[in-house]
Amino acid sequence: MKKKSPSKKRTPKTVKLSDRRDKSLRDHLLYLLKGGGAHVTFDDAMGDWTLQLAGVKVANFPHTAWMLLEHMRLAQWDILDFSRNPKHVSPPWPEGYWPAAPTPPDEKAWTASMAAFKKDLRTMERLISDRRVDLYAPILWGDEQTILREALLLADHNAYHLGQLVMLRKSIGI
């Protein structure tokens, strides 16, 4: 029988555990941003919404699809740009976060707004996926905000307004 050599105390693999936790948190954030779980995706909420229906108002509902889309795009851009740009200046509240008109000026504006929303969402997803980005570190040019806070804010804001778009779709009958 082989005699066991005295064992050296091993330090716990905290790095591995923290790596797993970091990956898990990032995966959950991405899941929320993409519309996971109880959240609807952007594509599912927008679906085949036509330009002709983008400016339709329904009784007892204050916004059109165009207004909600533009509001989401503008707010998402603001959160994303603040998260990456020390020279970022937010638009004036509230007028800088809503379109001037309830209807899109044309098909190009409608499709460009959807494309810009998707592009900025993918950019935020890349920011969250970047392991070099410390999700907990205060954003140097902010007031103690973190990338984690901004990602959760964005997921929450998008989920709320995507839910409104779903209800608007149902009210319009599309």
C-alpha atoms as a PDB file:
ATOM      1  CA  MET A   1       0.000   0.000   0.000  1.00  0.00           C
ATOM      2  CA  LYS A   2       1.298   3.392  -1.037  1.00  0.00           C
ATOM      3  CA  LYS A   3       1.730   5.855   1.756  1.00  0.00           C
ATOM      4  CA  LYS A   4      -0.024   9.177   1.233  1.00  0.00           C
ATOM      5  CA  SER A   5       2.231  12.158   1.216  1.00  0.00           C
ATOM      6  CA  PRO A   6       1.268  15.000   3.466  1.00  0.00           C
ATOM      7  CA  SER A   7      -1.147  17.172   1.558  1.00  0.00           C
ATOM      8  CA  LYS A   8      -0.590  20.810   1.091  1.00  0.00           C
ATOM      9  CA  LYS A   9      -3.508  23.018   1.863  1.00  0.00           C
ATOM     10  CA  ARG A  10      -5.122  24.045  -1.340  1.00  0.00           C
ATOM     11  CA  THR A  11      -6.646  27.438  -1.722  1.00  0.00           C
ATOM     12  CA  PRO A  12     -10.194  27.461  -3.013  1.00  0.00           C
ATOM     13  CA  LYS A  13     -10.584  28.142  -6.699  1.00  0.00           C
ATOM     14  CA  THR A  14     -12.243  31.510  -6.139  1.00  0.00           C
ATOM     15  CA  VAL A  15     -11.164  32.741  -9.527  1.00  0.00           C
ATOM     16  CA  LYS A  16     -13.024  29.911 -11.204  1.00  0.00           C
ATOM     17  CA  LEU A  17     -16.109  30.535  -9.092  1.00  0.00           C
ATOM     18  CA  SER A  18     -16.035  34.264  -9.750  1.00  0.00           C
ATOM     19  CA  ASP A  19     -15.558  33.577 -13.468  1.00  0.00           C
ATOM     20  CA  ARG A  20     -18.617  31.319 -13.443  1.00  0.00           C
ATOM     21  CA  ARG A  21     -20.647  33.917 -11.564  1.00  0.00           C
ATOM     22  CA  ASP A  22     -19.510  36.659 -13.911  1.00  0.00           C
ATOM     23  CA  LYS A  23     -20.449  34.579 -16.959  1.00  0.00           C
ATOM     24  CA  SER A  24     -23.784  33.670 -15.391  1.00  0.00           C
ATOM     25  CA  LEU A  25     -24.617  37.319 -14.692  1.00  0.00           C
ATOM     26  CA  ARG A  26     -23.658  38.366 -18.212  1.00  0.00           C
ATOM     27  CA  ASP A  27     -25.724  35.528 -19.685  1.00  0.00           C
ATOM     28  CA  HIS A  28     -28.744  36.579 -17.611  1.00  0.00           C
ATOM     29  CA  LEU A  29     -28.383  40.209 -18.678  1.00  0.00           C
ATOM     30  CA  LEU A  30     -28.197  39.171 -22.320  1.00  0.00           C
ATOM     31  CA  TYR A  31     -31.235  36.953 -21.824  1.00  0.00           C
ATOM     32  CA  LEU A  32     -33.203  39.929 -20.469  1.00  0.00           C
ATOM     33  CA  LEU A  33     -32.038  42.309 -23.188  1.00  0.00           C
ATOM     34  CA  LYS A  34     -32.916  39.849 -25.947  1.00  0.00           C
ATOM     35  CA  GLY A  35     -36.405  39.246 -24.595  1.00  0.00           C
ATOM     36  CA  GLY A  36     -35.901  36.063 -22.619  1.00  0.00           C
ATOM     37  CA  GLY A  37     -38.293  34.480 -20.148  1.00  0.00           C
ATOM     38  CA  ALA A  38     -41.388  36.561 -19.590  1.00  0.00           C
ATOM     39  CA  HIS A  39     -40.114  39.315 -21.877  1.00  0.00           C
ATOM     40  CA  VAL A  40     -41.189  39.647 -25.484  1.00  0.00           C
ATOM     41  CA  THR A  41     -38.554  40.166 -28.152  1.00  0.00           C
ATOM     42  CA  PHE A  42     -38.375  43.339 -30.189  1.00  0.00           C
ATOM     43  CA  ASP A  43     -39.068  41.399 -33.390  1.00  0.00           C
ATOM     44  CA  ASP A  44     -42.111  39.699 -31.868  1.00  0.00           C
ATOM     45  CA  ALA A  45     -43.541  42.994 -30.619  1.00  0.00           C
ATOM     46  CA  MET A  46     -42.899  44.833 -33.879  1.00  0.00           C
ATOM     47  CA  GLY A  47     -43.638  41.878 -36.147  1.00  0.00           C
ATOM     48  CA  ASP A  48     -45.116  42.922 -39.439  1.00  0.00           C
ATOM     49  CA  TRP A  49     -46.253  46.349 -38.285  1.00  0.00           C
ATOM     50  CA  THR A  50     -46.871  48.395 -41.412  1.00  0.00           C
ATOM     51  CA  LEU A  51     -46.190  52.058 -41.965  1.00  0.00           C
ATOM     52  CA  GLN A  52     -49.928  52.599 -42.445  1.00  0.00           C
ATOM     53  CA  LEU A  53     -50.576  51.394 -38.896  1.00  0.00           C
ATOM     54  CA  ALA A  54     -47.527  53.009 -37.269  1.00  0.00           C
ATOM     55  CA  GLY A  55     -49.392  56.230 -36.498  1.00  0.00           C
ATOM     56  CA  VAL A  56     -52.735  54.735 -35.469  1.00  0.00           C
ATOM     57  CA  LYS A  57     -54.058  55.901 -32.107  1.00  0.00           C
ATOM     58  CA  VAL A  58     -56.545  53.862 -30.126  1.00  0.00           C
ATOM     59  CA  ALA A  59     -58.980  55.062 -27.481  1.00  0.00           C
ATOM     60  CA  ASN A  60     -57.539  55.503 -24.006  1.00  0.00           C
ATOM     61  CA  PHE A  61     -53.986  54.824 -25.169  1.00  0.00           C
ATOM     62  CA  PRO A  62     -51.655  57.835 -25.342  1.00  0.00           C
ATOM     63  CA  HIS A  63     -49.074  56.597 -27.844  1.00  0.00           C
ATOM     64  CA  THR A  64     -48.781  55.305 -31.383  1.00  0.00           C
ATOM     65  CA  ALA A  65     -46.349  52.593 -32.431  1.00  0.00           C
ATOM     66  CA  TRP A  66     -44.138  55.283 -33.968  1.00  0.00           C
ATOM     67  CA  MET A  67     -44.067  57.251 -30.734  1.00  0.00           C
ATOM     68  CA  LEU A  68     -43.152  54.161 -28.710  1.00  0.00           C
ATOM     69  CA  LEU A  69     -40.540  52.975 -31.192  1.00  0.00           C
ATOM     70  CA  GLU A  70     -38.841  56.363 -31.338  1.00  0.00           C
ATOM     71  CA  HIS A  71     -39.020  56.761 -27.566  1.00  0.00           C
ATOM     72  CA  MET A  72     -37.407  53.355 -27.071  1.00  0.00           C
ATOM     73  CA  ARG A  73     -34.749  54.102 -29.681  1.00  0.00           C
ATOM     74  CA  LEU A  74     -33.888  57.484 -28.186  1.00  0.00           C
ATOM     75  CA  ALA A  75     -33.807  56.243 -24.588  1.00  0.00           C
ATOM     76  CA  GLN A  76     -31.749  53.193 -25.538  1.00  0.00           C
ATOM     77  CA  TRP A  77     -29.284  55.354 -27.459  1.00  0.00           C
ATOM     78  CA  ASP A  78     -29.027  57.665 -24.443  1.00  0.00           C
ATOM     79  CA  ILE A  79     -28.308  54.788 -22.035  1.00  0.00           C
ATOM     80  CA  LEU A  80     -25.812  53.165 -24.405  1.00  0.00           C
ATOM     81  CA  ASP A  81     -23.967  56.365 -25.258  1.00  0.00           C
ATOM     82  CA  PHE A  82     -23.800  57.378 -21.586  1.00  0.00           C
ATOM     83  CA  SER A  83     -22.334  53.937 -20.812  1.00  0.00           C
ATOM     84  CA  ARG A  84     -19.473  54.378 -23.296  1.00  0.00           C
ATOM     85  CA  ASN A  85     -18.904  58.065 -23.913  1.00  0.00           C
ATOM     86  CA  PRO A  86     -17.494  60.440 -21.292  1.00  0.00           C
ATOM     87  CA  LYS A  87     -18.635  63.414 -23.404  1.00  0.00           C
ATOM     88  CA  HIS A  88     -22.233  62.186 -23.650  1.00  0.00           C
ATOM     89  CA  VAL A  89     -24.991  64.743 -23.177  1.00  0.00           C
ATOM     90  CA  SER A  90     -28.505  63.442 -22.627  1.00  0.00           C
ATOM     91  CA  PRO A  91     -31.376  65.037 -24.549  1.00  0.00           C
ATOM     92  CA  PRO A  92     -33.654  67.426 -22.663  1.00  0.00           C
ATOM     93  CA  TRP A  93     -36.341  65.680 -20.629  1.00  0.00           C
ATOM     94  CA  PRO A  94     -38.998  64.805 -21.680  1.00  0.00           C
ATOM     95  CA  GLU A  95     -39.174  66.341 -25.151  1.00  0.00           C
ATOM     96  CA  GLY A  96     -35.826  64.919 -26.247  1.00  0.00           C
ATOM     97  CA  TYR A  97     -37.067  61.382 -25.688  1.00  0.00           C
ATOM     98  CA  TRP A  98     -40.216  61.493 -27.815  1.00  0.00           C
ATOM     99  CA  PRO A  99     -40.815  62.187 -31.505  1.00  0.00           C
ATOM    100  CA  ALA A 100     -42.407  65.484 -32.472  1.00  0.00           C
ATOM    101  CA  ALA A 101     -45.178  63.814 -34.486  1.00  0.00           C
ATOM    102  CA  PRO A 102     -47.357  60.756 -33.783  1.00  0.00           C
ATOM    103  CA  THR A 103     -46.656  59.325 -37.236  1.00  0.00           C
ATOM    104  CA  PRO A 104     -43.390  58.568 -39.004  1.00  0.00           C
ATOM    105  CA  PRO A 105     -42.580  60.994 -41.831  1.00  0.00           C
ATOM    106  CA  ASP A 106     -42.089  58.126 -44.276  1.00  0.00           C
ATOM    107  CA  GLU A 107     -41.217  54.446 -44.708  1.00  0.00           C
ATOM    108  CA  LYS A 108     -37.500  55.220 -44.578  1.00  0.00           C
ATOM    109  CA  ALA A 109     -37.797  56.823 -41.107  1.00  0.00           C
ATOM    110  CA  TRP A 110     -39.869  53.888 -39.848  1.00  0.00           C
ATOM    111  CA  THR A 111     -37.402  51.236 -41.029  1.00  0.00           C
ATOM    112  CA  ALA A 112     -34.365  53.333 -40.037  1.00  0.00           C
ATOM    113  CA  SER A 113     -35.707  53.676 -36.487  1.00  0.00           C
ATOM    114  CA  MET A 114     -36.188  49.906 -36.190  1.00  0.00           C
ATOM    115  CA  ALA A 115     -32.707  49.258 -37.624  1.00  0.00           C
ATOM    116  CA  ALA A 116     -31.094  51.793 -35.263  1.00  0.00           C
ATOM    117  CA  PHE A 117     -32.880  50.249 -32.279  1.00  0.00           C
ATOM    118  CA  LYS A 118     -31.604  46.775 -33.195  1.00  0.00           C
ATOM    119  CA  LYS A 119     -28.076  48.044 -33.847  1.00  0.00           C
ATOM    120  CA  ASP A 120     -27.851  49.840 -30.498  1.00  0.00           C
ATOM    121  CA  LEU A 121     -29.286  46.816 -28.703  1.00  0.00           C
ATOM    122  CA  ARG A 122     -26.607  44.588 -30.288  1.00  0.00           C
ATOM    123  CA  THR A 123     -23.971  47.122 -29.236  1.00  0.00           C
ATOM    124  CA  MET A 124     -25.187  47.009 -25.624  1.00  0.00           C
ATOM    125  CA  GLU A 125     -25.145  43.205 -25.820  1.00  0.00           C
ATOM    126  CA  ARG A 126     -21.505  43.311 -26.993  1.00  0.00           C
ATOM    127  CA  LEU A 127     -20.656  45.675 -24.131  1.00  0.00           C
ATOM    128  CA  ILE A 128     -22.216  43.277 -21.618  1.00  0.00           C
ATOM    129  CA  SER A 129     -20.458  40.293 -23.238  1.00  0.00           C
ATOM    130  CA  ASP A 130     -17.031  41.924 -23.045  1.00  0.00           C
ATOM    131  CA  ARG A 131     -15.315  40.290 -20.060  1.00  0.00           C
ATOM    132  CA  ARG A 132     -12.909  43.232 -19.859  1.00  0.00           C
ATOM    133  CA  VAL A 133     -15.842  45.463 -18.865  1.00  0.00           C
ATOM    134  CA  ASP A 134     -16.318  45.507 -15.102  1.00  0.00           C
ATOM    135  CA  LEU A 135     -20.076  45.451 -14.647  1.00  0.00           C
ATOM    136  CA  TYR A 136     -19.771  46.694 -11.062  1.00  0.00           C
ATOM    137  CA  ALA A 137     -17.304  49.554 -11.506  1.00  0.00           C
ATOM    138  CA  PRO A 138     -18.790  53.035 -11.293  1.00  0.00           C
ATOM    139  CA  ILE A 139     -18.875  54.763 -14.673  1.00  0.00           C
ATOM    140  CA  LEU A 140     -16.193  57.417 -14.232  1.00  0.00           C
ATOM    141  CA  TRP A 141     -18.242  60.251 -15.751  1.00  0.00           C
ATOM    142  CA  GLY A 142     -21.461  59.273 -13.991  1.00  0.00           C
ATOM    143  CA  ASP A 143     -22.907  59.607 -10.530  1.00  0.00           C
ATOM    144  CA  GLU A 144     -22.067  56.109  -9.253  1.00  0.00           C
ATOM    145  CA  GLN A 145     -23.948  54.374 -12.101  1.00  0.00           C
ATOM    146  CA  THR A 146     -22.488  51.073 -13.281  1.00  0.00           C
ATOM    147  CA  ILE A 147     -22.748  49.162 -16.545  1.00  0.00           C
ATOM    148  CA  LEU A 148     -24.804  46.593 -14.630  1.00  0.00           C
ATOM    149  CA  ARG A 149     -27.266  49.287 -13.588  1.00  0.00           C
ATOM    150  CA  GLU A 150     -27.465  50.678 -17.134  1.00  0.00           C
ATOM    151  CA  ALA A 151     -28.063  47.214 -18.623  1.00  0.00           C
ATOM    152  CA  LEU A 152     -30.842  46.503 -16.117  1.00  0.00           C
ATOM    153  CA  LEU A 153     -32.356  49.930 -16.721  1.00  0.00           C
ATOM    154  CA  LEU A 154     -32.342  49.299 -20.461  1.00  0.00           C
ATOM    155  CA  ALA A 155     -33.854  45.818 -20.121  1.00  0.00           C
ATOM    156  CA  ASP A 156     -36.572  47.170 -17.823  1.00  0.00           C
ATOM    157  CA  HIS A 157     -37.358  50.159 -20.021  1.00  0.00           C
ATOM    158  CA  ASN A 158     -37.499  48.106 -23.203  1.00  0.00           C
ATOM    159  CA  ALA A 159     -39.661  45.411 -21.582  1.00  0.00           C
ATOM    160  CA  TYR A 160     -42.188  47.995 -20.399  1.00  0.00           C
ATOM    161  CA  HIS A 161     -42.592  49.653 -23.783  1.00  0.00           C
ATOM    162  CA  LEU A 162     -42.497  46.387 -25.742  1.00  0.00           C
ATOM    163  CA  GLY A 163     -45.416  45.307 -23.562  1.00  0.00           C
ATOM    164  CA  GLN A 164     -47.215  48.503 -24.547  1.00  0.00           C
ATOM    165  CA  LEU A 165     -46.553  47.722 -28.204  1.00  0.00           C
ATOM    166  CA  VAL A 166     -48.036  44.255 -27.760  1.00  0.00           C
ATOM    167  CA  MET A 167     -51.178  45.739 -26.215  1.00  0.00           C
ATOM    168  CA  LEU A 168     -51.363  48.346 -28.974  1.00  0.00           C
ATOM    169  CA  ARG A 169     -51.079  45.578 -31.605  1.00  0.00           C
ATOM    170  CA  LYS A 170     -53.969  43.732 -29.981  1.00  0.00           C
ATOM    171  CA  SER A 171     -56.059  46.896 -29.788  1.00  0.00           C
ATOM    172  CA  ILE A 172     -55.466  47.648 -33.467  1.00  0.00           C
ATOM    173  CA  GLY A 173     -56.096  44.038 -34.417  1.00  0.00           C
ATOM    174  CA  ILE A 174     -52.712  43.065 -35.883  1.00  0.00           C
END
